[in-house]
Amino acid sequence: MSQPPIRTVLFGLINTYLVPEKDGLTLIDTGLPSLVPRILKKAAQTGQPLRRTVLTRGHDDHSLGLDDIKRQFPHAQVMMHPADLHHLKRLNIEKNPTRS
């Protein structure tokens, strides 16, 4: 059985996922800032650019690394449910995510 192309980056109980797509990578959740270097390393190993980040919820363990990701990939799209946008504003995230 072949392994699925999704890369899981683990940090204790926090999971993030890198999903390869035709135009590059989609990151599912950023985790905490301390996890971002590991995410960037895994992304670099694929040789594909990060095109988008999807935040599954506004909790810190899902989104706190977004500023660091946005600094590395400023043109990558950010998506999350509009009901959680207030969370990012509370955290003073640099770029507003795209509504989807």
C-alpha atoms as a PDB file:
ATOM      1  CA  MET A   1       0.000   0.000   0.000  1.00  0.00           C
ATOM      2  CA  SER A   2       1.469   3.370  -0.938  1.00  0.00           C
ATOM      3  CA  GLN A   3       1.677   6.157   1.586  1.00  0.00           C
ATOM      4  CA  PRO A   4      -0.627   9.167   1.100  1.00  0.00           C
ATOM      5  CA  PRO A   5       1.179  12.340  -0.059  1.00  0.00           C
ATOM      6  CA  ILE A   6       0.090  14.318   3.009  1.00  0.00           C
ATOM      7  CA  ARG A   7       2.949  15.177   5.362  1.00  0.00           C
ATOM      8  CA  THR A   8       2.134  15.389   9.071  1.00  0.00           C
ATOM      9  CA  VAL A   9       4.284  17.630  11.224  1.00  0.00           C
ATOM     10  CA  LEU A  10       3.895  16.656  14.867  1.00  0.00           C
ATOM     11  CA  PHE A  11       4.651  18.711  17.956  1.00  0.00           C
ATOM     12  CA  GLY A  12       3.389  16.925  21.018  1.00  0.00           C
ATOM     13  CA  LEU A  13      -0.402  16.911  20.740  1.00  0.00           C
ATOM     14  CA  ILE A  14      -0.497  19.537  17.976  1.00  0.00           C
ATOM     15  CA  ASN A  15      -0.729  18.376  14.366  1.00  0.00           C
ATOM     16  CA  THR A  16      -0.274  20.340  11.187  1.00  0.00           C
ATOM     17  CA  TYR A  17      -0.537  18.949   7.682  1.00  0.00           C
ATOM     18  CA  LEU A  18       1.184  19.797   4.406  1.00  0.00           C
ATOM     19  CA  VAL A  19      -0.963  18.760   1.470  1.00  0.00           C
ATOM     20  CA  PRO A  20       0.661  18.709  -1.981  1.00  0.00           C
ATOM     21  CA  GLU A  21      -1.578  20.065  -4.715  1.00  0.00           C
ATOM     22  CA  LYS A  22      -1.062  20.833  -8.405  1.00  0.00           C
ATOM     23  CA  ASP A  23       0.066  24.418  -7.770  1.00  0.00           C
ATOM     24  CA  GLY A  24       2.036  23.881  -4.541  1.00  0.00           C
ATOM     25  CA  LEU A  25       1.398  23.115  -0.884  1.00  0.00           C
ATOM     26  CA  THR A  26      -1.573  23.739   1.376  1.00  0.00           C
ATOM     27  CA  LEU A  27      -0.794  23.969   5.078  1.00  0.00           C
ATOM     28  CA  ILE A  28      -3.589  22.866   7.390  1.00  0.00           C
ATOM     29  CA  ASP A  29      -3.129  24.746  10.689  1.00  0.00           C
ATOM     30  CA  THR A  30       0.117  26.442  11.694  1.00  0.00           C
ATOM     31  CA  GLY A  31       0.365  25.264  15.259  1.00  0.00           C
ATOM     32  CA  LEU A  32       2.408  27.315  17.697  1.00  0.00           C
ATOM     33  CA  PRO A  33       5.319  29.544  16.584  1.00  0.00           C
ATOM     34  CA  SER A  34       7.800  26.982  17.929  1.00  0.00           C
ATOM     35  CA  LEU A  35       6.516  24.494  15.323  1.00  0.00           C
ATOM     36  CA  VAL A  36       7.012  26.797  12.318  1.00  0.00           C
ATOM     37  CA  PRO A  37      10.713  25.955  11.715  1.00  0.00           C
ATOM     38  CA  ARG A  38       9.787  22.277  11.424  1.00  0.00           C
ATOM     39  CA  ILE A  39       6.933  23.119   9.038  1.00  0.00           C
ATOM     40  CA  LEU A  40       9.277  25.223   6.891  1.00  0.00           C
ATOM     41  CA  LYS A  41      11.844  22.412   6.810  1.00  0.00           C
ATOM     42  CA  LYS A  42       9.239  19.859   5.709  1.00  0.00           C
ATOM     43  CA  ALA A  43       7.864  22.267   3.101  1.00  0.00           C
ATOM     44  CA  ALA A  44      11.369  22.875   1.717  1.00  0.00           C
ATOM     45  CA  GLN A  45      11.941  19.125   1.438  1.00  0.00           C
ATOM     46  CA  THR A  46       8.999  18.867  -0.962  1.00  0.00           C
ATOM     47  CA  GLY A  47      10.462  21.452  -3.338  1.00  0.00           C
ATOM     48  CA  GLN A  48       7.029  23.066  -3.706  1.00  0.00           C
ATOM     49  CA  PRO A  49       5.970  26.570  -2.629  1.00  0.00           C
ATOM     50  CA  LEU A  50       3.379  27.118   0.056  1.00  0.00           C
ATOM     51  CA  ARG A  51       0.310  28.509  -1.740  1.00  0.00           C
ATOM     52  CA  ARG A  52      -2.278  28.579   1.036  1.00  0.00           C
ATOM     53  CA  THR A  53      -2.864  28.055   4.738  1.00  0.00           C
ATOM     54  CA  VAL A  54      -6.191  26.789   6.050  1.00  0.00           C
ATOM     55  CA  LEU A  55      -6.921  27.380   9.721  1.00  0.00           C
ATOM     56  CA  THR A  56      -9.488  24.913  10.993  1.00  0.00           C
ATOM     57  CA  ARG A  57     -10.320  27.026  14.053  1.00  0.00           C
ATOM     58  CA  GLY A  58      -9.217  30.131  15.856  1.00  0.00           C
ATOM     59  CA  HIS A  59      -7.625  28.377  18.829  1.00  0.00           C
ATOM     60  CA  ASP A  60      -4.010  29.300  19.586  1.00  0.00           C
ATOM     61  CA  ASP A  61      -2.693  25.786  18.951  1.00  0.00           C
ATOM     62  CA  HIS A  62      -4.127  25.933  15.416  1.00  0.00           C
ATOM     63  CA  SER A  63      -3.206  29.479  14.402  1.00  0.00           C
ATOM     64  CA  LEU A  64      -0.537  31.121  16.547  1.00  0.00           C
ATOM     65  CA  GLY A  65       2.242  30.379  14.027  1.00  0.00           C
ATOM     66  CA  LEU A  66       0.463  32.280  11.241  1.00  0.00           C
ATOM     67  CA  ASP A  67       2.539  35.458  11.518  1.00  0.00           C
ATOM     68  CA  ASP A  68       5.756  33.469  11.069  1.00  0.00           C
ATOM     69  CA  ILE A  69       4.315  31.566   8.111  1.00  0.00           C
ATOM     70  CA  LYS A  70       3.105  34.817   6.510  1.00  0.00           C
ATOM     71  CA  ARG A  71       6.598  36.344   6.865  1.00  0.00           C
ATOM     72  CA  GLN A  72       8.067  33.414   4.926  1.00  0.00           C
ATOM     73  CA  PHE A  73       5.225  33.163   2.386  1.00  0.00           C
ATOM     74  CA  PRO A  74       3.675  36.654   2.181  1.00  0.00           C
ATOM     75  CA  HIS A  75       1.667  35.877  -0.957  1.00  0.00           C
ATOM     76  CA  ALA A  76       0.164  32.630   0.304  1.00  0.00           C
ATOM     77  CA  GLN A  77      -3.591  32.749   0.726  1.00  0.00           C
ATOM     78  CA  VAL A  78      -5.012  32.302   4.245  1.00  0.00           C
ATOM     79  CA  MET A  79      -8.452  30.785   4.715  1.00  0.00           C
ATOM     80  CA  MET A  80     -10.607  30.230   7.766  1.00  0.00           C
ATOM     81  CA  HIS A  81     -14.223  30.361   8.775  1.00  0.00           C
ATOM     82  CA  PRO A  82     -15.445  33.971   9.087  1.00  0.00           C
ATOM     83  CA  ALA A  83     -16.729  33.254  12.612  1.00  0.00           C
ATOM     84  CA  ASP A  84     -13.114  32.883  13.768  1.00  0.00           C
ATOM     85  CA  LEU A  85     -11.765  36.113  12.259  1.00  0.00           C
ATOM     86  CA  HIS A  86     -12.172  37.879  15.593  1.00  0.00           C
ATOM     87  CA  HIS A  87      -9.566  35.534  17.040  1.00  0.00           C
ATOM     88  CA  LEU A  88      -6.918  36.656  14.553  1.00  0.00           C
ATOM     89  CA  LYS A  89      -7.757  40.292  15.170  1.00  0.00           C
ATOM     90  CA  ARG A  90      -7.331  39.675  18.909  1.00  0.00           C
ATOM     91  CA  LEU A  91      -3.897  38.186  18.210  1.00  0.00           C
ATOM     92  CA  ASN A  92      -3.037  41.155  15.974  1.00  0.00           C
ATOM     93  CA  ILE A  93      -2.132  38.903  13.052  1.00  0.00           C
ATOM     94  CA  GLU A  94      -0.397  40.959  10.324  1.00  0.00           C
ATOM     95  CA  LYS A  95      -2.482  39.980   7.287  1.00  0.00           C
ATOM     96  CA  ASN A  96      -6.216  39.435   7.267  1.00  0.00           C
ATOM     97  CA  PRO A  97      -7.208  36.016   5.967  1.00  0.00           C
ATOM     98  CA  THR A  98      -9.286  35.539   2.876  1.00  0.00           C
ATOM     99  CA  ARG A  99     -12.924  34.852   3.533  1.00  0.00           C
ATOM    100  CA  SER A 100     -14.104  31.596   2.047  1.00  0.00           C
END
